[in-house]
Amino acid sequence: MINQSLLAGMITELRRGTLTLAVLSQLEKPQYGYSLLQSLEGKGIQIEANTLYPLMRRLESQGLLENSWDTSSARPRKYYVLSGAGREIYEALKDEWMKTCQSINGLLRETKI
């Protein structure tokens, strides 16, 4: 019988780093937090708002995202987009992800458990 608590912890650990890549992949064009959340969820990436917003602030503080405010509507929105450094990091992470997936997929095909 599977230890559900152990499995849940491992899934969380597995997803943690992939969320950064997922977020960066969606910010070639400016998006505000809620639109990004819905876009990711629409593409099968489950992420909580209380995970997404701190992640976006961290990426911004690391210089990977730039922001701008749209105050043209009644409710101002903060939009995020990749910075130049963010694009470079995203491309490097994407390449690493592809290599890692290829290697892991090879291992999993070999396994006969």
N, C-alpha and C. Protein backbone atom coordinates (compact mmCIF):
# COMPACT_ATOMS: atom_id res chain seq x y z
N MET A 1 0.84 -1.19 0.00
CA MET A 1 0.00 0.00 0.00
C MET A 1 0.89 1.25 0.00
N ILE A 2 0.57 2.21 -0.83
CA ILE A 2 1.35 3.44 -0.97
C ILE A 2 1.13 4.35 0.24
N ASN A 3 2.23 4.85 0.78
CA ASN A 3 2.17 5.85 1.84
C ASN A 3 1.83 7.18 1.17
N GLN A 4 0.58 7.61 1.26
CA GLN A 4 0.09 8.80 0.56
C GLN A 4 0.81 10.07 1.01
N SER A 5 1.12 10.15 2.29
CA SER A 5 1.81 11.33 2.80
C SER A 5 3.22 11.43 2.21
N LEU A 6 3.91 10.32 2.17
CA LEU A 6 5.24 10.28 1.58
C LEU A 6 5.19 10.64 0.10
N LEU A 7 4.25 10.05 -0.62
CA LEU A 7 4.09 10.32 -2.04
C LEU A 7 3.79 11.80 -2.29
N ALA A 8 2.88 12.37 -1.50
CA ALA A 8 2.53 13.79 -1.66
C ALA A 8 3.76 14.68 -1.47
N GLY A 9 4.58 14.37 -0.49
CA GLY A 9 5.80 15.14 -0.25
C GLY A 9 6.77 15.03 -1.41
N MET A 10 6.89 13.85 -1.97
CA MET A 10 7.80 13.65 -3.11
C MET A 10 7.29 14.36 -4.36
N ILE A 11 5.99 14.35 -4.57
CA ILE A 11 5.41 15.06 -5.72
C ILE A 11 5.63 16.56 -5.57
N THR A 12 5.45 17.07 -4.37
CA THR A 12 5.69 18.50 -4.12
C THR A 12 7.14 18.85 -4.41
N GLU A 13 8.05 18.02 -3.95
CA GLU A 13 9.48 18.23 -4.19
C GLU A 13 9.80 18.19 -5.68
N LEU A 14 9.21 17.25 -6.39
CA LEU A 14 9.43 17.11 -7.82
C LEU A 14 8.92 18.34 -8.58
N ARG A 15 7.77 18.86 -8.17
CA ARG A 15 7.15 20.00 -8.87
C ARG A 15 7.80 21.33 -8.54
N ARG A 16 8.43 21.44 -7.40
CA ARG A 16 8.93 22.73 -6.91
C ARG A 16 9.79 23.46 -7.94
N GLY A 17 10.79 22.82 -8.47
CA GLY A 17 11.66 23.47 -9.45
C GLY A 17 11.00 23.66 -10.80
N THR A 18 10.06 22.79 -11.13
CA THR A 18 9.42 22.90 -12.44
C THR A 18 8.49 24.10 -12.52
N LEU A 19 7.99 24.57 -11.39
CA LEU A 19 7.09 25.72 -11.41
C LEU A 19 7.81 26.98 -11.88
N THR A 20 9.07 27.13 -11.50
CA THR A 20 9.84 28.28 -11.96
C THR A 20 9.93 28.26 -13.48
N LEU A 21 10.26 27.13 -14.04
CA LEU A 21 10.36 27.00 -15.49
C LEU A 21 9.00 27.27 -16.15
N ALA A 22 7.95 26.74 -15.56
CA ALA A 22 6.60 26.94 -16.11
C ALA A 22 6.24 28.42 -16.13
N VAL A 23 6.51 29.12 -15.03
CA VAL A 23 6.20 30.55 -14.96
C VAL A 23 7.01 31.33 -15.98
N LEU A 24 8.30 31.09 -16.03
CA LEU A 24 9.14 31.81 -16.99
C LEU A 24 8.67 31.57 -18.43
N SER A 25 8.21 30.37 -18.72
CA SER A 25 7.79 30.03 -20.08
C SER A 25 6.58 30.83 -20.54
N GLN A 26 5.82 31.36 -19.60
CA GLN A 26 4.58 32.07 -19.94
C GLN A 26 4.72 33.58 -19.94
N LEU A 27 5.92 34.09 -19.68
CA LEU A 27 6.07 35.54 -19.52
C LEU A 27 6.88 36.20 -20.63
N GLU A 28 6.82 35.64 -21.82
CA GLU A 28 7.43 36.32 -22.97
C GLU A 28 6.63 37.59 -23.28
N LYS A 29 5.32 37.51 -23.06
CA LYS A 29 4.45 38.68 -23.20
C LYS A 29 3.94 39.03 -21.80
N PRO A 30 3.73 40.32 -21.54
CA PRO A 30 3.31 40.73 -20.19
C PRO A 30 2.00 40.09 -19.75
N GLN A 31 1.98 39.68 -18.50
CA GLN A 31 0.78 39.13 -17.87
C GLN A 31 0.73 39.61 -16.43
N TYR A 32 -0.48 39.77 -15.91
CA TYR A 32 -0.62 40.04 -14.49
C TYR A 32 -0.86 38.72 -13.77
N GLY A 33 -0.70 38.73 -12.48
CA GLY A 33 -0.69 37.50 -11.70
C GLY A 33 -1.87 36.57 -11.94
N TYR A 34 -3.09 37.11 -11.88
CA TYR A 34 -4.27 36.25 -12.01
C TYR A 34 -4.36 35.66 -13.41
N SER A 35 -4.01 36.45 -14.44
CA SER A 35 -4.06 35.91 -15.81
C SER A 35 -3.03 34.80 -15.99
N LEU A 36 -1.88 34.96 -15.36
CA LEU A 36 -0.84 33.94 -15.41
C LEU A 36 -1.31 32.67 -14.70
N LEU A 37 -1.92 32.84 -13.55
CA LEU A 37 -2.46 31.70 -12.79
C LEU A 37 -3.46 30.92 -13.65
N GLN A 38 -4.38 31.62 -14.28
CA GLN A 38 -5.38 30.96 -15.11
C GLN A 38 -4.76 30.31 -16.35
N SER A 39 -3.79 30.98 -16.94
CA SER A 39 -3.11 30.42 -18.11
C SER A 39 -2.42 29.11 -17.76
N LEU A 40 -1.70 29.11 -16.64
CA LEU A 40 -1.01 27.89 -16.22
C LEU A 40 -2.00 26.78 -15.92
N GLU A 41 -3.04 27.09 -15.18
CA GLU A 41 -4.04 26.07 -14.84
C GLU A 41 -4.72 25.53 -16.09
N GLY A 42 -4.96 26.41 -17.07
CA GLY A 42 -5.57 25.98 -18.33
C GLY A 42 -4.68 25.03 -19.11
N LYS A 43 -3.39 25.07 -18.82
CA LYS A 43 -2.43 24.20 -19.50
C LYS A 43 -2.01 23.02 -18.62
N GLY A 44 -2.77 22.78 -17.54
CA GLY A 44 -2.53 21.61 -16.71
C GLY A 44 -1.52 21.79 -15.60
N ILE A 45 -1.05 23.01 -15.36
CA ILE A 45 -0.10 23.28 -14.29
C ILE A 45 -0.86 23.82 -13.10
N GLN A 46 -0.98 23.00 -12.07
CA GLN A 46 -1.68 23.41 -10.86
C GLN A 46 -0.73 24.20 -9.96
N ILE A 47 -1.12 25.42 -9.66
CA ILE A 47 -0.30 26.27 -8.79
C ILE A 47 -1.25 27.15 -7.99
N GLU A 48 -0.98 27.25 -6.72
CA GLU A 48 -1.79 28.09 -5.84
C GLU A 48 -1.32 29.53 -5.94
N ALA A 49 -2.25 30.46 -5.75
CA ALA A 49 -1.89 31.89 -5.76
C ALA A 49 -0.85 32.19 -4.70
N ASN A 50 -0.95 31.55 -3.54
CA ASN A 50 0.02 31.82 -2.46
C ASN A 50 1.38 31.20 -2.74
N THR A 51 1.50 30.46 -3.83
CA THR A 51 2.80 29.99 -4.33
C THR A 51 3.27 30.88 -5.47
N LEU A 52 2.35 31.23 -6.36
CA LEU A 52 2.71 32.00 -7.56
C LEU A 52 3.21 33.40 -7.24
N TYR A 53 2.49 34.14 -6.42
CA TYR A 53 2.86 35.54 -6.19
C TYR A 53 4.23 35.69 -5.51
N PRO A 54 4.54 34.91 -4.48
CA PRO A 54 5.90 35.00 -3.92
C PRO A 54 6.97 34.58 -4.93
N LEU A 55 6.67 33.59 -5.77
CA LEU A 55 7.61 33.16 -6.79
C LEU A 55 7.89 34.29 -7.77
N MET A 56 6.84 34.99 -8.20
CA MET A 56 7.01 36.10 -9.12
C MET A 56 7.82 37.24 -8.48
N ARG A 57 7.56 37.52 -7.22
CA ARG A 57 8.34 38.56 -6.53
C ARG A 57 9.81 38.15 -6.42
N ARG A 58 10.06 36.87 -6.14
CA ARG A 58 11.43 36.39 -6.05
C ARG A 58 12.14 36.49 -7.40
N LEU A 59 11.46 36.09 -8.47
CA LEU A 59 12.05 36.17 -9.81
C LEU A 59 12.33 37.63 -10.19
N GLU A 60 11.44 38.51 -9.77
CA GLU A 60 11.66 39.93 -10.02
C GLU A 60 12.88 40.44 -9.24
N SER A 61 12.99 40.05 -7.97
CA SER A 61 14.12 40.50 -7.16
C SER A 61 15.45 39.94 -7.68
N GLN A 62 15.39 38.81 -8.38
CA GLN A 62 16.58 38.21 -8.99
C GLN A 62 16.91 38.84 -10.34
N GLY A 63 16.09 39.76 -10.78
CA GLY A 63 16.33 40.45 -12.05
C GLY A 63 15.84 39.70 -13.27
N LEU A 64 15.02 38.67 -13.06
CA LEU A 64 14.56 37.86 -14.19
C LEU A 64 13.25 38.36 -14.77
N LEU A 65 12.52 39.16 -14.00
CA LEU A 65 11.26 39.73 -14.46
C LEU A 65 11.30 41.24 -14.31
N GLU A 66 10.59 41.91 -15.21
CA GLU A 66 10.36 43.34 -15.10
C GLU A 66 8.87 43.53 -14.89
N ASN A 67 8.48 44.64 -14.29
CA ASN A 67 7.05 44.88 -14.10
C ASN A 67 6.67 46.28 -14.55
N SER A 68 5.41 46.42 -14.82
CA SER A 68 4.83 47.73 -15.13
C SER A 68 3.38 47.72 -14.66
N TRP A 69 2.91 48.88 -14.32
CA TRP A 69 1.53 49.02 -13.84
C TRP A 69 0.64 49.53 -14.96
N ASP A 70 -0.54 48.92 -15.07
CA ASP A 70 -1.57 49.43 -15.97
C ASP A 70 -2.64 50.05 -15.09
N THR A 71 -2.75 51.36 -15.17
CA THR A 71 -3.73 52.08 -14.34
C THR A 71 -4.87 52.63 -15.18
N SER A 72 -5.02 52.11 -16.40
CA SER A 72 -6.06 52.62 -17.29
C SER A 72 -7.46 52.15 -16.91
N SER A 73 -7.56 51.08 -16.15
CA SER A 73 -8.88 50.60 -15.73
C SER A 73 -9.11 50.98 -14.27
N ALA A 74 -10.31 50.69 -13.79
CA ALA A 74 -10.65 51.03 -12.40
C ALA A 74 -9.76 50.29 -11.41
N ARG A 75 -9.31 49.12 -11.79
CA ARG A 75 -8.46 48.31 -10.91
C ARG A 75 -7.06 48.22 -11.50
N PRO A 76 -6.09 48.92 -10.92
CA PRO A 76 -4.72 48.85 -11.45
C PRO A 76 -4.18 47.43 -11.39
N ARG A 77 -3.41 47.06 -12.40
CA ARG A 77 -2.82 45.72 -12.46
C ARG A 77 -1.32 45.84 -12.70
N LYS A 78 -0.59 44.97 -11.99
CA LYS A 78 0.86 44.91 -12.16
C LYS A 78 1.16 43.79 -13.15
N TYR A 79 1.78 44.15 -14.25
CA TYR A 79 2.13 43.19 -15.29
C TYR A 79 3.60 42.82 -15.17
N TYR A 80 3.88 41.55 -15.43
CA TYR A 80 5.25 41.02 -15.40
C TYR A 80 5.62 40.51 -16.78
N VAL A 81 6.89 40.64 -17.11
CA VAL A 81 7.43 40.13 -18.38
C VAL A 81 8.89 39.76 -18.14
N LEU A 82 9.41 38.83 -18.94
CA LEU A 82 10.81 38.44 -18.81
C LEU A 82 11.73 39.64 -19.10
N SER A 83 12.75 39.78 -18.30
CA SER A 83 13.82 40.75 -18.59
C SER A 83 14.80 40.07 -19.55
N GLY A 84 15.81 40.79 -20.00
CA GLY A 84 16.84 40.18 -20.84
C GLY A 84 17.50 39.02 -20.13
N ALA A 85 17.85 39.22 -18.86
CA ALA A 85 18.47 38.14 -18.08
C ALA A 85 17.48 36.99 -17.90
N GLY A 86 16.20 37.31 -17.75
CA GLY A 86 15.18 36.28 -17.60
C GLY A 86 15.07 35.41 -18.83
N ARG A 87 15.18 36.03 -20.00
CA ARG A 87 15.14 35.26 -21.25
C ARG A 87 16.33 34.30 -21.33
N GLU A 88 17.51 34.79 -20.96
CA GLU A 88 18.70 33.94 -21.00
C GLU A 88 18.58 32.77 -20.03
N ILE A 89 18.14 33.05 -18.82
CA ILE A 89 17.96 31.99 -17.81
C ILE A 89 16.90 31.00 -18.28
N TYR A 90 15.80 31.53 -18.81
CA TYR A 90 14.73 30.65 -19.30
C TYR A 90 15.26 29.69 -20.38
N GLU A 91 15.99 30.22 -21.34
CA GLU A 91 16.51 29.37 -22.41
C GLU A 91 17.46 28.31 -21.86
N ALA A 92 18.32 28.69 -20.92
CA ALA A 92 19.25 27.73 -20.32
C ALA A 92 18.50 26.66 -19.52
N LEU A 93 17.50 27.08 -18.75
CA LEU A 93 16.70 26.12 -17.98
C LEU A 93 15.92 25.19 -18.90
N LYS A 94 15.38 25.76 -19.98
CA LYS A 94 14.62 24.94 -20.93
C LYS A 94 15.52 23.87 -21.55
N ASP A 95 16.73 24.26 -21.95
CA ASP A 95 17.67 23.29 -22.52
C ASP A 95 18.00 22.19 -21.51
N GLU A 96 18.26 22.59 -20.28
CA GLU A 96 18.58 21.62 -19.22
C GLU A 96 17.40 20.69 -18.97
N TRP A 97 16.18 21.25 -18.97
CA TRP A 97 14.97 20.46 -18.76
C TRP A 97 14.83 19.41 -19.86
N MET A 98 15.06 19.80 -21.11
CA MET A 98 14.92 18.87 -22.22
C MET A 98 15.94 17.73 -22.11
N LYS A 99 17.17 18.07 -21.76
CA LYS A 99 18.20 17.03 -21.58
C LYS A 99 17.83 16.09 -20.43
N THR A 100 17.38 16.67 -19.33
CA THR A 100 17.02 15.86 -18.16
C THR A 100 15.85 14.95 -18.49
N CYS A 101 14.83 15.47 -19.16
CA CYS A 101 13.68 14.64 -19.53
C CYS A 101 14.10 13.48 -20.43
N GLN A 102 14.96 13.78 -21.37
CA GLN A 102 15.43 12.73 -22.28
C GLN A 102 16.15 11.64 -21.49
N SER A 103 17.01 12.03 -20.56
CA SER A 103 17.75 11.06 -19.76
C SER A 103 16.82 10.25 -18.85
N ILE A 104 15.92 10.93 -18.17
CA ILE A 104 14.99 10.25 -17.27
C ILE A 104 14.07 9.32 -18.05
N ASN A 105 13.58 9.78 -19.18
CA ASN A 105 12.72 8.92 -20.00
C ASN A 105 13.46 7.66 -20.43
N GLY A 106 14.74 7.79 -20.76
CA GLY A 106 15.55 6.62 -21.11
C GLY A 106 15.65 5.65 -19.95
N LEU A 107 15.88 6.20 -18.74
CA LEU A 107 15.95 5.34 -17.56
C LEU A 107 14.63 4.63 -17.30
N LEU A 108 13.53 5.36 -17.43
CA LEU A 108 12.24 4.78 -17.14
C LEU A 108 11.85 3.69 -18.15
N ARG A 109 12.28 3.86 -19.40
CA ARG A 109 11.99 2.83 -20.41
C ARG A 109 12.75 1.53 -20.11
N GLU A 110 13.94 1.66 -19.49
CA GLU A 110 14.76 0.51 -19.17
C GLU A 110 14.26 -0.25 -17.94
N THR A 111 13.56 0.46 -17.07
CA THR A 111 13.14 -0.13 -15.79
C THR A 111 11.99 -1.11 -15.99
N LYS A 112 12.12 -2.26 -15.32
CA LYS A 112 11.08 -3.27 -15.42
C LYS A 112 10.58 -3.61 -14.01
N ILE A 113 10.09 -2.62 -13.30
CA ILE A 113 9.60 -2.86 -11.93
C ILE A 113 8.13 -3.21 -11.98
